[in-house]
């Protein structure tokens, strides 16, 4: 039986103990934790102390409360997002997100919330060079891995580019996703740029992504260009505890010296 020292923060010790049990497989991914009363009895501490410890692990995304199942260990691994390779590999499936989730041997699923002509947010319109009131195609979706939500992704494409490409109005845009269809229209993506912000989720994002109010999200503004023309802005909102973002680039000074 584990011993909790009285000379140190008890809830911090309990959090570390539960974390170590998750790591060694005592509490495997997706399994239910013992009740707070049971842990309190085992460790000879008060239930509020156990609750405080589990709150730490809920905030870090290591455990979550699931309706009907109690408190369970997070079932998904950390998903690796390689900003460069994910777009190179998109022709392996219907889109980059599907490819990267599948590489973790997870089942990918996308639920579209909206596909159609829409007025984009002012900041998106500005990036795309759209006049006031000029429409864009919105492809708004929620992405899942093993039926757990991992991100919200809203893509905006100038309507002038989307018009005449009926596959862009379908959930399954075909092999290569929307970028494949833009290439078919004569606008192949040639360059990408991303801006990343870490912030707290909105109430709506908490509900969709099943987050605690204290769990931060990555907000990634991804812009695709065909040569010098911006052809898409995708706003990703991603559960911060589920993702590891990776970026790499060549040394420009070396190229200049050569």
Protein backbone atom coordinates (compact mmCIF):
# COMPACT_ATOMS: atom_id res chain seq x y z
CA UNK A 1 0.00 0.00 0.00
CA UNK A 2 1.30 3.44 -0.90
CA UNK A 3 2.20 5.80 1.92
CA UNK A 4 1.40 9.50 1.74
CA UNK A 5 3.77 11.63 3.76
CA UNK A 6 2.28 14.30 5.99
CA UNK A 7 5.35 16.51 5.70
CA UNK A 8 4.72 17.24 2.00
CA UNK A 9 1.72 18.38 0.00
CA UNK A 10 -0.59 15.37 0.13
CA UNK A 11 -2.62 16.15 -2.98
CA UNK A 12 0.57 16.62 -5.03
CA UNK A 13 1.84 13.24 -3.83
CA UNK A 14 -1.46 11.59 -4.75
CA UNK A 15 -1.41 13.17 -8.19
CA UNK A 16 2.11 11.84 -8.74
CA UNK A 17 1.10 8.40 -7.48
CA UNK A 18 -1.88 8.17 -9.85
CA UNK A 19 0.33 9.43 -12.68
CA UNK A 20 2.90 6.70 -11.97
CA UNK A 21 0.16 4.06 -11.90
CA UNK A 22 -1.04 5.27 -15.30
CA UNK A 23 2.53 5.08 -16.63
CA UNK A 24 3.17 1.54 -15.35
CA UNK A 25 -0.18 0.23 -16.61
CA UNK A 26 -1.89 -0.22 -13.27
CA UNK A 27 -4.55 2.12 -14.64
CA UNK A 28 -4.40 1.46 -18.42
CA UNK A 29 -5.66 3.88 -21.10
CA UNK A 30 -9.44 4.14 -21.11
CA UNK A 31 -9.87 2.38 -17.77
CA UNK A 32 -11.90 3.78 -14.88
CA UNK A 33 -10.03 5.01 -11.83
CA UNK A 34 -11.02 3.83 -8.36
CA UNK A 35 -13.60 6.09 -6.76
CA UNK A 36 -12.44 9.03 -4.70
CA UNK A 37 -13.76 7.30 -1.57
CA UNK A 38 -11.79 4.16 -2.36
CA UNK A 39 -8.57 6.08 -2.99
CA UNK A 40 -9.11 8.10 0.17
CA UNK A 41 -9.51 4.88 2.20
CA UNK A 42 -6.46 3.27 0.58
CA UNK A 43 -4.22 6.28 1.11
CA UNK A 44 -5.70 7.30 4.48
CA UNK A 45 -6.45 10.85 3.45
CA UNK A 46 -9.63 12.87 3.11
CA UNK A 47 -11.80 12.70 0.01
CA UNK A 48 -11.33 16.47 -0.69
CA UNK A 49 -7.57 15.83 -0.79
CA UNK A 50 -8.07 13.09 -3.40
CA UNK A 51 -10.43 15.34 -5.35
CA UNK A 52 -7.81 18.10 -5.42
CA UNK A 53 -5.21 15.65 -6.72
CA UNK A 54 -7.48 14.36 -9.48
CA UNK A 55 -8.35 17.91 -10.47
CA UNK A 56 -4.66 18.44 -11.27
CA UNK A 57 -4.71 15.42 -13.59
CA UNK A 58 -7.97 16.52 -15.20
CA UNK A 59 -6.45 19.92 -15.95
CA UNK A 60 -3.43 18.31 -17.61
CA UNK A 61 -5.65 15.99 -19.65
CA UNK A 62 -4.28 12.78 -18.14
CA UNK A 63 -7.72 11.77 -16.89
CA UNK A 64 -11.22 12.91 -17.76
CA UNK A 65 -14.74 12.59 -16.40
CA UNK A 66 -16.90 10.55 -18.75
CA UNK A 67 -20.65 10.43 -18.28
CA UNK A 68 -21.76 7.02 -17.09
CA UNK A 69 -18.20 5.78 -16.57
CA UNK A 70 -16.84 8.07 -13.86
CA UNK A 71 -13.24 9.26 -14.02
CA UNK A 72 -11.21 7.47 -16.69
CA UNK A 73 -7.63 7.49 -17.92
CA UNK A 74 -7.09 9.32 -21.20
CA UNK A 75 -7.31 6.79 -23.99
CA UNK A 76 -5.57 8.71 -26.79
CA UNK A 77 -1.79 9.04 -27.11
CA UNK A 78 -0.16 12.36 -27.87
CA UNK A 79 -0.74 13.04 -31.57
CA UNK A 80 2.33 14.21 -33.46
CA UNK A 81 1.68 16.99 -35.96
CA UNK A 82 4.57 17.56 -38.36
CA UNK A 83 3.74 20.86 -40.04
CA UNK A 84 5.91 20.11 -43.06
CA UNK A 85 5.36 16.41 -43.70
CA UNK A 86 1.60 16.36 -43.07
CA UNK A 87 0.88 18.26 -46.27
CA UNK A 88 3.39 16.34 -48.34
CA UNK A 89 1.60 13.12 -47.32
CA UNK A 90 -1.96 14.31 -47.88
CA UNK A 91 -2.32 12.33 -51.11
CA UNK A 92 -2.19 9.15 -48.99
CA UNK A 93 -5.75 9.88 -47.88
CA UNK A 94 -8.54 12.43 -48.06
CA UNK A 95 -6.60 15.06 -46.13
CA UNK A 96 -3.56 15.72 -43.95
CA UNK A 97 -5.42 15.32 -40.65
CA UNK A 98 -6.68 11.87 -41.63
CA UNK A 99 -3.17 10.80 -42.55
CA UNK A 100 -1.52 11.92 -39.31
CA UNK A 101 -4.16 10.29 -37.08
CA UNK A 102 -4.02 7.05 -39.06
CA UNK A 103 -0.25 6.93 -38.59
CA UNK A 104 -0.90 6.55 -34.86
CA UNK A 105 -3.09 3.53 -35.71
CA UNK A 106 -6.15 5.49 -34.63
CA UNK A 107 -9.46 5.53 -36.44
CA UNK A 108 -10.04 8.91 -38.08
CA UNK A 109 -13.51 10.41 -38.42
CA UNK A 110 -14.61 13.85 -39.59
CA UNK A 111 -17.99 15.42 -38.85
CA UNK A 112 -18.86 18.41 -41.01
CA UNK A 113 -20.86 21.11 -39.28
CA UNK A 114 -21.20 23.34 -42.34
CA UNK A 115 -20.24 23.30 -46.02
CA UNK A 116 -21.38 26.21 -48.15
CA UNK A 117 -21.11 29.85 -49.13
CA UNK A 118 -20.48 32.10 -46.13
CA UNK A 119 -19.24 35.53 -45.18
CA UNK A 120 -15.81 34.96 -43.62
CA UNK A 121 -14.60 36.74 -40.47
CA UNK A 122 -12.97 40.09 -41.24
CA UNK A 123 -9.48 38.81 -40.38
CA UNK A 124 -9.88 35.85 -42.74
CA UNK A 125 -11.23 38.07 -45.53
CA UNK A 126 -8.25 40.38 -45.11
CA UNK A 127 -5.76 37.51 -45.51
CA UNK A 128 -7.59 36.19 -48.56
CA UNK A 129 -7.78 39.67 -50.10
CA UNK A 130 -11.57 39.59 -50.28
CA UNK A 131 -13.65 42.74 -50.56
CA UNK A 132 -16.20 43.54 -47.88
CA UNK A 133 -19.11 41.14 -48.21
CA UNK A 134 -17.34 38.95 -50.75
CA UNK A 135 -18.17 35.31 -49.98
CA UNK A 136 -15.98 32.33 -49.28
CA UNK A 137 -16.59 28.62 -49.17
CA UNK A 138 -16.68 27.45 -45.55
CA UNK A 139 -15.82 23.85 -44.78
CA UNK A 140 -16.36 23.65 -41.02
CA UNK A 141 -15.64 20.36 -39.31
CA UNK A 142 -14.74 18.53 -36.12
CA UNK A 143 -12.07 15.84 -36.31
CA UNK A 144 -12.07 12.73 -34.17
CA UNK A 145 -9.61 9.97 -33.32
CA UNK A 146 -11.19 6.75 -32.06
CA UNK A 147 -14.41 8.76 -31.70
CA UNK A 148 -12.83 11.32 -29.35
CA UNK A 149 -12.73 14.95 -30.54
CA UNK A 150 -9.25 16.27 -31.23
CA UNK A 151 -9.76 19.54 -33.10
CA UNK A 152 -12.12 21.98 -34.76
CA UNK A 153 -11.06 23.07 -38.24
CA UNK A 154 -12.81 25.77 -40.25
CA UNK A 155 -11.46 26.25 -43.78
CA UNK A 156 -12.24 29.32 -45.90
CA UNK A 157 -11.61 29.32 -49.65
CA UNK A 158 -12.45 32.29 -51.90
CA UNK A 159 -15.76 31.52 -53.56
CA UNK A 160 -14.32 32.58 -56.90
CA UNK A 161 -11.93 29.59 -56.66
CA UNK A 162 -14.42 27.11 -55.21
CA UNK A 163 -17.20 27.86 -57.70
CA UNK A 164 -17.17 25.24 -60.41
CA UNK A 165 -15.54 22.60 -58.20
CA UNK A 166 -18.54 20.57 -56.96
CA UNK A 167 -16.39 18.17 -54.97
CA UNK A 168 -15.49 21.04 -52.62
CA UNK A 169 -19.16 21.15 -51.62
CA UNK A 170 -19.10 17.49 -50.63
CA UNK A 171 -17.88 16.09 -47.33
CA UNK A 172 -15.45 13.82 -49.14
CA UNK A 173 -13.62 16.13 -51.52
CA UNK A 174 -11.67 13.21 -52.95
CA UNK A 175 -8.08 12.09 -52.78
CA UNK A 176 -5.84 14.88 -51.55
CA UNK A 177 -8.79 16.72 -49.99
CA UNK A 178 -9.63 20.30 -50.85
CA UNK A 179 -6.05 21.03 -51.91
CA UNK A 180 -6.32 18.37 -54.57
CA UNK A 181 -9.42 20.05 -55.96
CA UNK A 182 -7.80 23.49 -55.88
CA UNK A 183 -4.90 22.01 -57.83
CA UNK A 184 -7.42 20.67 -60.34
CA UNK A 185 -8.73 24.23 -60.71
CA UNK A 186 -5.24 25.51 -61.50
CA UNK A 187 -4.28 26.65 -58.00
CA UNK A 188 -1.94 24.04 -56.52
CA UNK A 189 -0.66 24.92 -53.04
CA UNK A 190 2.97 25.97 -53.27
CA UNK A 191 3.60 27.57 -49.88
CA UNK A 192 2.15 27.50 -46.37
CA UNK A 193 2.37 29.76 -43.34
CA UNK A 194 1.09 29.28 -39.79
CA UNK A 195 0.56 31.53 -36.79
CA UNK A 196 -0.02 29.81 -33.44
CA UNK A 197 -1.67 31.15 -30.31
CA UNK A 198 -2.20 29.37 -26.99
CA UNK A 199 -5.37 30.44 -25.21
CA UNK A 200 -8.21 29.18 -23.06
CA UNK A 201 -11.19 27.65 -24.88
CA UNK A 202 -14.55 29.31 -25.33
CA UNK A 203 -17.63 27.71 -23.82
CA UNK A 204 -18.61 26.30 -27.21
CA UNK A 205 -15.11 24.87 -27.77
CA UNK A 206 -15.18 23.25 -24.33
CA UNK A 207 -18.38 21.44 -25.22
CA UNK A 208 -17.27 20.30 -28.67
CA UNK A 209 -13.77 19.22 -27.63
CA UNK A 210 -14.89 17.88 -24.22
CA UNK A 211 -12.40 20.06 -22.36
CA UNK A 212 -12.10 21.32 -18.83
CA UNK A 213 -12.41 25.13 -18.62
CA UNK A 214 -8.76 25.27 -17.52
CA UNK A 215 -7.35 23.23 -20.40
CA UNK A 216 -5.70 25.46 -23.03
CA UNK A 217 -6.01 25.04 -26.77
CA UNK A 218 -3.74 25.72 -29.71
CA UNK A 219 -5.28 28.10 -32.23
CA UNK A 220 -3.45 27.71 -35.53
CA UNK A 221 -4.14 30.03 -38.45
CA UNK A 222 -2.93 28.07 -41.45
CA UNK A 223 -2.67 29.92 -44.76
CA UNK A 224 -2.10 28.14 -48.07
CA UNK A 225 -0.75 30.00 -51.09
CA UNK A 226 -0.65 29.15 -54.77
CA UNK A 227 2.52 31.01 -55.66
CA UNK A 228 1.80 34.47 -54.23
CA UNK A 229 -1.96 34.18 -53.98
CA UNK A 230 -3.61 33.08 -50.70
CA UNK A 231 -6.11 30.35 -51.56
CA UNK A 232 -7.21 29.09 -48.15
CA UNK A 233 -7.27 30.04 -44.50
CA UNK A 234 -7.90 27.20 -42.06
CA UNK A 235 -8.44 28.03 -38.39
CA UNK A 236 -7.61 25.01 -36.23
CA UNK A 237 -8.59 24.87 -32.56
CA UNK A 238 -6.83 21.89 -31.00
CA UNK A 239 -6.88 20.40 -27.51
CA UNK A 240 -3.46 21.39 -26.21
CA UNK A 241 -2.85 18.26 -24.13
CA UNK A 242 -3.42 15.95 -27.12
CA UNK A 243 -1.00 17.46 -29.61
CA UNK A 244 2.74 17.88 -30.07
CA UNK A 245 3.59 20.39 -32.80
CA UNK A 246 6.77 19.90 -34.82
CA UNK A 247 8.41 22.38 -37.20
CA UNK A 248 11.65 22.19 -39.14
CA UNK A 249 13.32 24.31 -41.80
CA UNK A 250 16.52 24.68 -43.74
CA UNK A 251 19.23 27.16 -42.72
CA UNK A 252 18.65 30.14 -45.01
CA UNK A 253 22.08 31.62 -44.18
CA UNK A 254 23.75 28.43 -45.43
CA UNK A 255 21.83 28.70 -48.72
CA UNK A 256 22.88 32.30 -49.11
CA UNK A 257 26.52 31.47 -48.43
CA UNK A 258 26.45 28.70 -51.01
